[in-house]
Each structure stands twice: as structure tokens, then as C-alpha cells.
């Protein structure tokens, strides 16, 4: 048993087969890289007005994949939640996803105004800022949670009941 424990300690920095968190970080990292390749390859097979959206999707998965490699390493070395890495990742990828969502709607309805994009971006910033401040304990965690959920609720409202929801639900003027 002591010898087995020493082998585990000597492998510090490598995946432990009994650490499902580290393994999940690794699987997600590789999946994100694979998704990046898929989106880039498929962007060559779609109509022109979808290409930018596909390439932004590839950018999102590439950025996330790189960050998940770092998060895995953080977890393996420290066995603590990589809060800072997660929020650095999300501060890049979530606004890019809002850009992608806007590009998809813009491809469907070319005369779409920019107001919806800015509302989605504001909701994103509120959600991430409150979430980080709560998790990093700059504010009481419950305050961070409530503020983050308010930002998330605002995004959901915009997507389902706001301008985006109206566009998605209309049959006329949408290709």
C-alpha cells in the first residue's frame, strides 16, 4: 500500500485514474479541440452568411479548450476549483457566444438592429461580474448568486420573450 501511495505521489501533475474531476477536465479539453476542428471544417460547407457564425463557434471552443487544459492542470496540482481560470474563460467565451447568437439571428433576419446585441452583452457582463464577485467572495456569495441569476434571467428573457424570441417565433420575414 505504501508503494502504491508513493507511485501516486510521484505522478503528481498527471491524471489519476481515481480522480473524476481531472478526467472530466481532460475529456472536455479534448472535446473542445475536436469541436473546433469540426466547426472550422464545416464552415467550408455552409452558405456564406453562416460562415462567420461557424468560425466564431470554432473560436469559442478553441478558447474554452485551452482554458480547460489549464483548469485540469490547476485541479491536478492543487485540488481546488479554478475559479479565476473559469471566469477568465467565461469572460471571453460567453460574450463570443452572444456575438455568435446575434450573427445567427442576423443571418436569419438581415435587418436586425444592434440593440438586441447590446442587451445580450449587458446581461452577460452582469451575470459574469456578479458570479465572479460572489465566488471570489468580494461580495457575499448569495448576493453574487442573485445578481448573476438576474443577468442570466435577463438573457433568457431577451432570447425567449424579447426581440430574439419575437424573431424566432415569427413565420414572416425569416429565412
N, C-alpha and C. Protein backbone atom coordinates (compact mmCIF):
# COMPACT_ATOMS: atom_id res chain seq x y z
N UNK A 1 0.82 -1.20 0.00
CA UNK A 1 0.00 0.00 0.00
C UNK A 1 0.86 1.26 0.00
N UNK A 2 1.92 1.28 0.79
CA UNK A 2 2.81 2.44 0.82
C UNK A 2 3.45 2.66 -0.54
N UNK A 3 3.84 1.58 -1.19
CA UNK A 3 4.45 1.69 -2.51
C UNK A 3 3.45 2.28 -3.51
N UNK A 4 2.20 1.84 -3.45
CA UNK A 4 1.16 2.35 -4.34
C UNK A 4 0.92 3.84 -4.08
N UNK A 5 0.94 4.26 -2.82
CA UNK A 5 0.77 5.66 -2.46
C UNK A 5 1.93 6.49 -3.01
N UNK A 6 3.14 5.97 -2.95
CA UNK A 6 4.31 6.69 -3.46
C UNK A 6 4.21 6.84 -4.97
N UNK A 7 3.73 5.83 -5.68
CA UNK A 7 3.59 5.94 -7.13
C UNK A 7 2.61 7.06 -7.46
N UNK A 8 1.49 7.14 -6.71
CA UNK A 8 0.51 8.19 -6.94
C UNK A 8 1.14 9.55 -6.68
N UNK A 9 1.91 9.67 -5.62
CA UNK A 9 2.55 10.95 -5.32
C UNK A 9 3.60 11.30 -6.37
N UNK A 10 4.33 10.33 -6.87
CA UNK A 10 5.34 10.59 -7.88
C UNK A 10 4.72 11.00 -9.21
N UNK A 11 3.47 10.69 -9.42
CA UNK A 11 2.78 11.06 -10.65
C UNK A 11 2.08 12.40 -10.52
N UNK A 12 2.45 13.19 -9.52
CA UNK A 12 1.83 14.49 -9.31
C UNK A 12 1.91 15.30 -10.60
N UNK A 13 0.78 15.79 -11.06
CA UNK A 13 0.72 16.53 -12.31
C UNK A 13 0.15 15.71 -13.45
N UNK A 14 0.06 14.39 -13.25
CA UNK A 14 -0.53 13.52 -14.26
C UNK A 14 -1.92 13.10 -13.80
N UNK A 15 -2.71 12.58 -14.72
CA UNK A 15 -4.05 12.15 -14.37
C UNK A 15 -4.02 10.94 -13.45
N UNK A 16 -4.82 11.00 -12.43
CA UNK A 16 -5.02 9.88 -11.53
C UNK A 16 -6.30 9.18 -11.98
N UNK A 17 -6.28 7.89 -12.23
CA UNK A 17 -7.49 7.21 -12.70
C UNK A 17 -8.63 7.24 -11.70
N UNK A 18 -8.37 7.65 -10.47
CA UNK A 18 -9.41 7.74 -9.44
C UNK A 18 -9.87 9.18 -9.19
N UNK A 19 -9.53 10.09 -10.11
CA UNK A 19 -9.89 11.50 -9.95
C UNK A 19 -10.85 11.90 -11.09
N UNK A 20 -12.16 11.72 -10.87
CA UNK A 20 -13.11 12.00 -11.95
C UNK A 20 -13.14 13.47 -12.37
N UNK A 21 -12.80 14.39 -11.48
CA UNK A 21 -12.80 15.81 -11.84
C UNK A 21 -11.69 16.07 -12.86
N UNK A 22 -10.49 15.60 -12.59
CA UNK A 22 -9.38 15.80 -13.52
C UNK A 22 -9.66 15.11 -14.85
N UNK A 23 -10.22 13.92 -14.79
CA UNK A 23 -10.54 13.19 -16.02
C UNK A 23 -11.59 13.96 -16.82
N UNK A 24 -12.60 14.52 -16.15
CA UNK A 24 -13.62 15.28 -16.88
C UNK A 24 -13.03 16.52 -17.51
N UNK A 25 -12.10 17.20 -16.83
CA UNK A 25 -11.42 18.35 -17.44
C UNK A 25 -10.68 17.92 -18.70
N UNK A 26 -10.02 16.77 -18.64
CA UNK A 26 -9.27 16.29 -19.80
C UNK A 26 -10.20 15.96 -20.96
N UNK A 27 -11.27 15.23 -20.68
CA UNK A 27 -12.23 14.85 -21.73
C UNK A 27 -12.83 16.11 -22.37
N UNK A 28 -13.20 17.07 -21.55
CA UNK A 28 -13.79 18.30 -22.07
C UNK A 28 -12.77 19.06 -22.91
N UNK A 29 -11.52 19.12 -22.47
CA UNK A 29 -10.48 19.82 -23.24
C UNK A 29 -10.35 19.24 -24.63
N UNK A 30 -10.23 17.93 -24.71
CA UNK A 30 -10.08 17.27 -26.00
C UNK A 30 -11.34 17.44 -26.83
N UNK A 31 -12.50 17.36 -26.21
CA UNK A 31 -13.76 17.55 -26.93
C UNK A 31 -13.86 18.94 -27.52
N UNK A 32 -13.40 19.93 -26.79
CA UNK A 32 -13.43 21.31 -27.29
C UNK A 32 -12.51 21.47 -28.50
N UNK A 33 -11.35 20.88 -28.43
CA UNK A 33 -10.42 20.95 -29.58
C UNK A 33 -11.05 20.24 -30.78
N UNK A 34 -11.65 19.08 -30.55
CA UNK A 34 -12.31 18.35 -31.65
C UNK A 34 -13.46 19.18 -32.23
N UNK A 35 -14.23 19.83 -31.37
CA UNK A 35 -15.33 20.68 -31.85
C UNK A 35 -14.79 21.84 -32.68
N UNK A 36 -13.66 22.40 -32.28
CA UNK A 36 -13.03 23.48 -33.05
C UNK A 36 -12.72 23.02 -34.46
N UNK A 37 -12.09 21.87 -34.58
CA UNK A 37 -11.76 21.33 -35.90
C UNK A 37 -13.04 21.09 -36.70
N UNK A 38 -14.05 20.52 -36.05
CA UNK A 38 -15.33 20.25 -36.73
C UNK A 38 -15.94 21.55 -37.26
N UNK A 39 -16.04 22.58 -36.41
CA UNK A 39 -16.65 23.84 -36.85
C UNK A 39 -15.87 24.48 -37.99
N UNK A 40 -14.54 24.44 -37.91
CA UNK A 40 -13.74 25.03 -38.99
C UNK A 40 -13.92 24.27 -40.30
N UNK A 41 -13.94 22.94 -40.21
CA UNK A 41 -14.14 22.14 -41.43
C UNK A 41 -15.54 22.36 -42.00
N UNK A 42 -16.54 22.38 -41.15
CA UNK A 42 -17.92 22.56 -41.61
C UNK A 42 -18.18 23.96 -42.13
N UNK A 43 -17.41 24.94 -41.66
CA UNK A 43 -17.62 26.31 -42.15
C UNK A 43 -17.33 26.42 -43.64
N UNK A 44 -16.60 25.46 -44.18
CA UNK A 44 -16.33 25.45 -45.62
C UNK A 44 -17.50 24.87 -46.41
N UNK A 45 -18.48 24.27 -45.72
CA UNK A 45 -19.59 23.61 -46.40
C UNK A 45 -20.94 24.30 -46.21
N UNK A 46 -20.95 25.47 -45.61
CA UNK A 46 -22.20 26.17 -45.38
C UNK A 46 -22.27 27.42 -46.24
N UNK A 47 -23.47 27.96 -46.38
CA UNK A 47 -23.66 29.19 -47.15
C UNK A 47 -22.84 30.32 -46.54
N UNK A 48 -22.54 31.30 -47.36
CA UNK A 48 -21.67 32.40 -46.94
C UNK A 48 -22.16 33.09 -45.68
N UNK A 49 -23.48 33.32 -45.55
CA UNK A 49 -23.98 34.08 -44.40
C UNK A 49 -23.90 33.30 -43.09
N UNK A 50 -23.52 32.02 -43.12
CA UNK A 50 -23.35 31.23 -41.90
C UNK A 50 -21.88 31.07 -41.53
N UNK A 51 -20.96 31.38 -42.43
CA UNK A 51 -19.53 31.12 -42.20
C UNK A 51 -18.98 31.83 -40.96
N UNK A 52 -19.30 33.11 -40.82
CA UNK A 52 -18.77 33.86 -39.67
C UNK A 52 -19.25 33.24 -38.36
N UNK A 53 -20.50 32.87 -38.32
CA UNK A 53 -21.04 32.25 -37.11
C UNK A 53 -20.31 30.95 -36.80
N UNK A 54 -20.06 30.13 -37.80
CA UNK A 54 -19.33 28.87 -37.60
C UNK A 54 -17.91 29.14 -37.10
N UNK A 55 -17.27 30.16 -37.66
CA UNK A 55 -15.90 30.48 -37.24
C UNK A 55 -15.85 31.05 -35.83
N UNK A 56 -16.86 31.83 -35.45
CA UNK A 56 -16.93 32.32 -34.07
C UNK A 56 -17.15 31.14 -33.13
N UNK A 57 -17.99 30.19 -33.53
CA UNK A 57 -18.19 28.97 -32.73
C UNK A 57 -16.87 28.22 -32.55
N UNK A 58 -16.07 28.15 -33.61
CA UNK A 58 -14.76 27.50 -33.51
C UNK A 58 -13.85 28.26 -32.55
N UNK A 59 -13.92 29.56 -32.60
CA UNK A 59 -13.11 30.37 -31.69
C UNK A 59 -13.52 30.14 -30.23
N UNK A 60 -14.82 30.06 -29.98
CA UNK A 60 -15.32 29.80 -28.63
C UNK A 60 -14.78 28.47 -28.11
N UNK A 61 -14.90 27.41 -28.93
CA UNK A 61 -14.46 26.09 -28.47
C UNK A 61 -12.94 26.01 -28.33
N UNK A 62 -12.20 26.72 -29.16
CA UNK A 62 -10.74 26.72 -29.02
C UNK A 62 -10.31 27.42 -27.74
N UNK A 63 -10.87 28.59 -27.49
CA UNK A 63 -10.53 29.33 -26.25
C UNK A 63 -10.91 28.49 -25.03
N UNK A 64 -12.10 27.90 -25.06
CA UNK A 64 -12.54 27.06 -23.93
C UNK A 64 -11.62 25.86 -23.76
N UNK A 65 -11.25 25.21 -24.86
CA UNK A 65 -10.37 24.04 -24.78
C UNK A 65 -9.04 24.37 -24.14
N UNK A 66 -8.43 25.48 -24.55
CA UNK A 66 -7.15 25.88 -23.97
C UNK A 66 -7.31 26.15 -22.47
N UNK A 67 -8.37 26.86 -22.12
CA UNK A 67 -8.58 27.15 -20.70
C UNK A 67 -8.83 25.88 -19.90
N UNK A 68 -9.54 24.91 -20.47
CA UNK A 68 -9.79 23.66 -19.75
C UNK A 68 -8.51 22.87 -19.54
N UNK A 69 -7.55 22.97 -20.46
CA UNK A 69 -6.25 22.34 -20.21
C UNK A 69 -5.60 22.95 -18.96
N UNK A 70 -5.65 24.27 -18.86
CA UNK A 70 -5.10 24.94 -17.68
C UNK A 70 -5.88 24.60 -16.42
N UNK A 71 -7.21 24.53 -16.53
CA UNK A 71 -8.02 24.20 -15.36
C UNK A 71 -7.75 22.78 -14.88
N UNK A 72 -7.53 21.86 -15.83
CA UNK A 72 -7.20 20.49 -15.44
C UNK A 72 -5.89 20.48 -14.67
N UNK A 73 -4.91 21.18 -15.19
CA UNK A 73 -3.61 21.22 -14.51
C UNK A 73 -3.73 21.83 -13.12
N UNK A 74 -4.50 22.91 -13.01
CA UNK A 74 -4.74 23.56 -11.72
C UNK A 74 -5.36 22.56 -10.75
N UNK A 75 -6.39 21.85 -11.21
CA UNK A 75 -7.06 20.88 -10.34
C UNK A 75 -6.11 19.77 -9.93
N UNK A 76 -5.36 19.22 -10.87
CA UNK A 76 -4.46 18.11 -10.58
C UNK A 76 -3.39 18.53 -9.56
N UNK A 77 -2.88 19.74 -9.69
CA UNK A 77 -1.81 20.19 -8.80
C UNK A 77 -2.33 20.66 -7.43
N UNK A 78 -3.48 21.32 -7.40
CA UNK A 78 -3.93 21.98 -6.18
C UNK A 78 -5.18 21.34 -5.58
N UNK A 79 -5.96 20.63 -6.37
CA UNK A 79 -7.25 20.05 -5.95
C UNK A 79 -8.18 21.10 -5.38
N UNK A 80 -8.29 22.18 -6.12
CA UNK A 80 -9.18 23.26 -5.75
C UNK A 80 -9.86 23.77 -7.02
N UNK A 81 -11.04 24.33 -6.86
CA UNK A 81 -11.77 24.84 -8.02
C UNK A 81 -11.02 26.01 -8.65
N UNK A 82 -10.77 25.95 -9.94
CA UNK A 82 -10.02 27.02 -10.62
C UNK A 82 -10.93 28.21 -10.96
N UNK A 83 -11.39 28.92 -9.94
CA UNK A 83 -12.35 29.99 -10.12
C UNK A 83 -11.83 31.05 -11.09
N UNK A 84 -10.62 31.51 -10.89
CA UNK A 84 -10.09 32.57 -11.75
C UNK A 84 -10.02 32.11 -13.20
N UNK A 85 -9.51 30.90 -13.43
CA UNK A 85 -9.43 30.38 -14.80
C UNK A 85 -10.82 30.26 -15.43
N UNK A 86 -11.80 29.80 -14.66
CA UNK A 86 -13.15 29.65 -15.20
C UNK A 86 -13.72 30.99 -15.64
N UNK A 87 -13.52 32.01 -14.81
CA UNK A 87 -14.09 33.31 -15.15
C UNK A 87 -13.30 34.02 -16.24
N UNK A 88 -12.00 33.78 -16.33
CA UNK A 88 -11.25 34.29 -17.48
C UNK A 88 -11.80 33.67 -18.76
N UNK A 89 -11.99 32.35 -18.72
CA UNK A 89 -12.56 31.64 -19.86
C UNK A 89 -13.93 32.20 -20.19
N UNK A 90 -14.80 32.28 -19.22
CA UNK A 90 -16.17 32.75 -19.47
C UNK A 90 -16.21 34.20 -19.91
N UNK A 91 -15.28 35.04 -19.43
CA UNK A 91 -15.29 36.45 -19.83
C UNK A 91 -14.94 36.61 -21.31
N UNK A 92 -14.34 35.58 -21.89
CA UNK A 92 -14.05 35.59 -23.34
C UNK A 92 -15.12 34.82 -24.10
N UNK A 93 -15.43 33.60 -23.65
CA UNK A 93 -16.30 32.74 -24.44
C UNK A 93 -17.78 33.12 -24.38
N UNK A 94 -18.27 33.56 -23.24
CA UNK A 94 -19.70 33.88 -23.14
C UNK A 94 -20.05 35.10 -24.00
N UNK A 95 -19.28 36.20 -23.96
CA UNK A 95 -19.58 37.29 -24.91
C UNK A 95 -19.45 36.84 -26.37
N UNK A 96 -18.48 35.97 -26.66
CA UNK A 96 -18.37 35.46 -28.03
C UNK A 96 -19.61 34.64 -28.41
N UNK A 97 -20.16 33.91 -27.46
CA UNK A 97 -21.39 33.16 -27.74
C UNK A 97 -22.55 34.12 -27.99
N UNK A 98 -22.59 35.23 -27.29
CA UNK A 98 -23.62 36.23 -27.55
C UNK A 98 -23.43 36.83 -28.94
N UNK A 99 -22.17 37.06 -29.33
CA UNK A 99 -21.88 37.52 -30.69
C UNK A 99 -22.36 36.49 -31.70
N UNK A 100 -22.06 35.22 -31.43
CA UNK A 100 -22.49 34.16 -32.34
C UNK A 100 -24.01 34.09 -32.44
N UNK A 101 -24.68 34.19 -31.32
CA UNK A 101 -26.14 34.17 -31.33
C UNK A 101 -26.68 35.33 -32.17
N UNK A 102 -26.10 36.50 -32.00
CA UNK A 102 -26.51 37.67 -32.78
C UNK A 102 -26.23 37.43 -34.28
N UNK A 103 -25.09 36.84 -34.60
CA UNK A 103 -24.77 36.56 -36.01
C UNK A 103 -25.75 35.57 -36.62
N UNK A 104 -26.16 34.58 -35.84
CA UNK A 104 -27.15 33.62 -36.35
C UNK A 104 -28.46 34.34 -36.64
N UNK A 105 -28.91 35.18 -35.70
CA UNK A 105 -30.15 35.92 -35.93
C UNK A 105 -30.02 36.89 -37.09
N UNK A 106 -28.85 37.49 -37.22
CA UNK A 106 -28.59 38.44 -38.31
C UNK A 106 -28.62 37.71 -39.66
N UNK A 107 -28.13 36.47 -39.68
CA UNK A 107 -28.17 35.68 -40.92
C UNK A 107 -29.60 35.32 -41.28
N UNK A 108 -30.43 35.11 -40.26
CA UNK A 108 -31.83 34.76 -40.49
C UNK A 108 -32.65 36.00 -40.85
N UNK A 109 -32.34 37.11 -40.18
CA UNK A 109 -33.08 38.35 -40.42
C UNK A 109 -32.07 39.49 -40.60
N UNK A 110 -31.67 39.76 -41.85
CA UNK A 110 -30.59 40.73 -42.12
C UNK A 110 -30.83 42.15 -41.61
N UNK A 111 -32.09 42.58 -41.46
CA UNK A 111 -32.34 43.95 -41.00
C UNK A 111 -32.44 44.06 -39.48
N UNK A 112 -31.88 43.10 -38.77
CA UNK A 112 -31.89 43.09 -37.30
C UNK A 112 -31.06 44.26 -36.77
N UNK A 113 -31.60 44.96 -35.80
CA UNK A 113 -30.89 46.08 -35.20
C UNK A 113 -29.82 45.61 -34.22
N UNK A 114 -28.96 46.53 -33.79
CA UNK A 114 -27.88 46.17 -32.87
C UNK A 114 -28.30 46.23 -31.40
N UNK A 115 -29.49 46.76 -31.11
CA UNK A 115 -29.94 46.89 -29.73
C UNK A 115 -30.01 45.56 -29.01
N UNK A 116 -30.45 44.52 -29.72
CA UNK A 116 -30.54 43.20 -29.09
C UNK A 116 -29.16 42.69 -28.69
N UNK A 117 -28.17 42.92 -29.54
CA UNK A 117 -26.80 42.51 -29.22
C UNK A 117 -26.34 43.18 -27.93
N UNK A 118 -26.56 44.48 -27.82
CA UNK A 118 -26.10 45.21 -26.64
C UNK A 118 -26.83 44.76 -25.37
N UNK A 119 -28.11 44.45 -25.50
CA UNK A 119 -28.85 43.95 -24.33
C UNK A 119 -28.30 42.60 -23.88
N UNK A 120 -28.03 41.72 -24.85
CA UNK A 120 -27.44 40.42 -24.51
C UNK A 120 -26.06 40.60 -23.86
N UNK A 121 -25.29 41.52 -24.38
CA UNK A 121 -23.95 41.75 -23.82
C UNK A 121 -24.03 42.30 -22.40
N UNK A 122 -24.95 43.20 -22.17
CA UNK A 122 -25.12 43.76 -20.81
C UNK A 122 -25.53 42.64 -19.84
N UNK A 123 -26.49 41.81 -20.24
CA UNK A 123 -26.89 40.69 -19.40
C UNK A 123 -25.72 39.77 -19.10
N UNK A 124 -24.88 39.54 -20.10
CA UNK A 124 -23.70 38.68 -19.94
C UNK A 124 -22.72 39.27 -18.94
N UNK A 125 -22.44 40.55 -19.08
CA UNK A 125 -21.49 41.21 -18.17
C UNK A 125 -22.02 41.19 -16.74
N UNK A 126 -23.30 41.47 -16.56
CA UNK A 126 -23.91 41.44 -15.22
C UNK A 126 -23.79 40.04 -14.63
N UNK A 127 -24.16 39.03 -15.42
CA UNK A 127 -24.12 37.64 -14.95
C UNK A 127 -22.71 37.24 -14.52
N UNK A 128 -21.72 37.53 -15.37
CA UNK A 128 -20.35 37.12 -15.06
C UNK A 128 -19.75 37.93 -13.91
N UNK A 129 -19.98 39.23 -13.90
CA UNK A 129 -19.39 40.07 -12.85
C UNK A 129 -19.92 39.69 -11.47
N UNK A 130 -21.23 39.54 -11.36
CA UNK A 130 -21.79 39.15 -10.06
C UNK A 130 -21.37 37.74 -9.68
N UNK A 131 -21.36 36.81 -10.66
CA UNK A 131 -20.94 35.44 -10.36
C UNK A 131 -19.52 35.38 -9.83
N UNK A 132 -18.61 36.09 -10.49
CA UNK A 132 -17.22 36.08 -10.05
C UNK A 132 -17.08 36.73 -8.68
N UNK A 133 -17.70 37.89 -8.51
CA UNK A 133 -17.59 38.59 -7.22
C UNK A 133 -18.14 37.73 -6.08
N UNK A 134 -19.19 36.98 -6.34
CA UNK A 134 -19.74 36.10 -5.30
C UNK A 134 -18.84 34.91 -5.02
N UNK A 135 -18.32 34.25 -6.09
CA UNK A 135 -17.46 33.08 -5.88
C UNK A 135 -16.12 33.46 -5.27
N UNK A 136 -15.57 34.61 -5.68
CA UNK A 136 -14.29 35.06 -5.12
C UNK A 136 -14.49 35.74 -3.77
N UNK A 137 -15.73 35.89 -3.35
CA UNK A 137 -16.13 36.46 -2.07
C UNK A 137 -15.74 37.92 -1.91
N UNK A 138 -15.81 38.67 -3.04
CA UNK A 138 -15.69 40.12 -2.97
C UNK A 138 -17.00 40.72 -2.46
N UNK A 139 -18.08 39.98 -2.70
CA UNK A 139 -19.40 40.32 -2.15
C UNK A 139 -19.92 39.04 -1.50
N UNK A 140 -20.92 39.13 -0.65
CA UNK A 140 -21.48 37.89 -0.08
C UNK A 140 -21.92 36.94 -1.21
N UNK A 141 -21.58 35.66 -1.08
CA UNK A 141 -21.90 34.71 -2.16
C UNK A 141 -23.36 34.74 -2.59
N UNK A 142 -24.30 34.90 -1.67
CA UNK A 142 -25.72 34.93 -2.06
C UNK A 142 -26.02 36.15 -2.92
N UNK A 143 -25.39 37.28 -2.61
CA UNK A 143 -25.58 38.49 -3.42
C UNK A 143 -25.03 38.25 -4.83
N UNK A 144 -23.86 37.62 -4.92
CA UNK A 144 -23.29 37.30 -6.22
C UNK A 144 -24.18 36.36 -7.01
N UNK A 145 -24.73 35.36 -6.31
CA UNK A 145 -25.62 34.39 -6.96
C UNK A 145 -26.88 35.08 -7.49
N UNK A 146 -27.51 35.90 -6.65
CA UNK A 146 -28.75 36.57 -7.04
C UNK A 146 -28.49 37.53 -8.21
N UNK A 147 -27.41 38.31 -8.12
CA UNK A 147 -27.08 39.23 -9.21
C UNK A 147 -26.75 38.49 -10.50
N UNK A 148 -26.00 37.39 -10.38
CA UNK A 148 -25.68 36.58 -11.56
C UNK A 148 -26.92 35.98 -12.18
N UNK A 149 -27.82 35.49 -11.35
CA UNK A 149 -29.07 34.92 -11.86
C UNK A 149 -29.95 36.00 -12.50
N UNK A 150 -29.89 37.22 -11.98
CA UNK A 150 -30.64 38.31 -12.60
C UNK A 150 -30.11 38.57 -14.01
N UNK A 151 -28.79 38.57 -14.17
CA UNK A 151 -28.21 38.71 -15.51
C UNK A 151 -28.63 37.58 -16.42
N UNK A 152 -28.59 36.34 -15.90
CA UNK A 152 -29.00 35.17 -16.66
C UNK A 152 -30.48 35.25 -17.04
N UNK A 153 -31.31 35.66 -16.08
CA UNK A 153 -32.73 35.83 -16.35
C UNK A 153 -32.99 36.87 -17.43
N UNK A 154 -32.22 37.94 -17.40
CA UNK A 154 -32.35 38.99 -18.42
C UNK A 154 -32.01 38.42 -19.81
N UNK A 155 -30.94 37.62 -19.89
CA UNK A 155 -30.56 36.98 -21.16
C UNK A 155 -31.67 36.06 -21.64
N UNK A 156 -32.20 35.23 -20.73
CA UNK A 156 -33.27 34.31 -21.11
C UNK A 156 -34.51 35.07 -21.57
N UNK A 157 -34.83 36.14 -20.88
CA UNK A 157 -35.98 36.95 -21.29
C UNK A 157 -35.77 37.48 -22.70
N UNK A 158 -34.60 38.02 -22.97
CA UNK A 158 -34.32 38.57 -24.30
C UNK A 158 -34.41 37.49 -25.37
N UNK A 159 -33.89 36.31 -25.06
CA UNK A 159 -33.88 35.23 -26.05
C UNK A 159 -35.29 34.69 -26.31
N UNK A 160 -36.09 34.53 -25.27
CA UNK A 160 -37.39 33.88 -25.44
C UNK A 160 -38.56 34.84 -25.57
N UNK A 161 -38.51 36.00 -24.92
CA UNK A 161 -39.65 36.90 -24.95
C UNK A 161 -39.32 38.26 -25.55
N UNK A 162 -38.05 38.58 -25.69
CA UNK A 162 -37.65 39.86 -26.24
C UNK A 162 -37.59 39.82 -27.76
N UNK A 163 -36.76 40.68 -28.30
CA UNK A 163 -36.64 40.79 -29.77
C UNK A 163 -36.21 39.47 -30.41
N UNK A 164 -35.26 38.76 -29.79
CA UNK A 164 -34.81 37.48 -30.35
C UNK A 164 -35.94 36.47 -30.37
N UNK A 165 -36.71 36.41 -29.30
CA UNK A 165 -37.84 35.48 -29.25
C UNK A 165 -38.90 35.83 -30.27
N UNK A 166 -39.11 37.11 -30.49
CA UNK A 166 -40.08 37.55 -31.48
C UNK A 166 -39.64 37.13 -32.88
N UNK A 167 -38.35 37.27 -33.17
CA UNK A 167 -37.82 36.87 -34.48
C UNK A 167 -37.95 35.38 -34.68
N UNK A 168 -37.56 34.61 -33.66
CA UNK A 168 -37.61 33.16 -33.77
C UNK A 168 -39.04 32.65 -33.91
N UNK A 169 -40.00 33.35 -33.30
CA UNK A 169 -41.38 32.90 -33.32
C UNK A 169 -42.16 33.36 -34.53
N UNK A 170 -41.60 34.29 -35.31
CA UNK A 170 -42.34 34.81 -36.47
C UNK A 170 -42.10 33.91 -37.68
N UNK A 171 -43.13 33.78 -38.48
CA UNK A 171 -43.00 32.98 -39.70
C UNK A 171 -42.66 33.85 -40.89
N UNK A 172 -42.98 35.13 -40.82
CA UNK A 172 -42.74 36.01 -41.95
C UNK A 172 -41.43 36.76 -41.78
N UNK A 173 -40.75 36.98 -42.86
CA UNK A 173 -39.51 37.73 -42.85
C UNK A 173 -38.30 36.98 -42.33
N UNK A 174 -38.43 35.70 -42.07
CA UNK A 174 -37.32 34.90 -41.57
C UNK A 174 -37.03 33.81 -42.59
N UNK A 175 -35.76 33.73 -43.01
CA UNK A 175 -35.43 32.68 -44.00
C UNK A 175 -35.07 31.39 -43.32
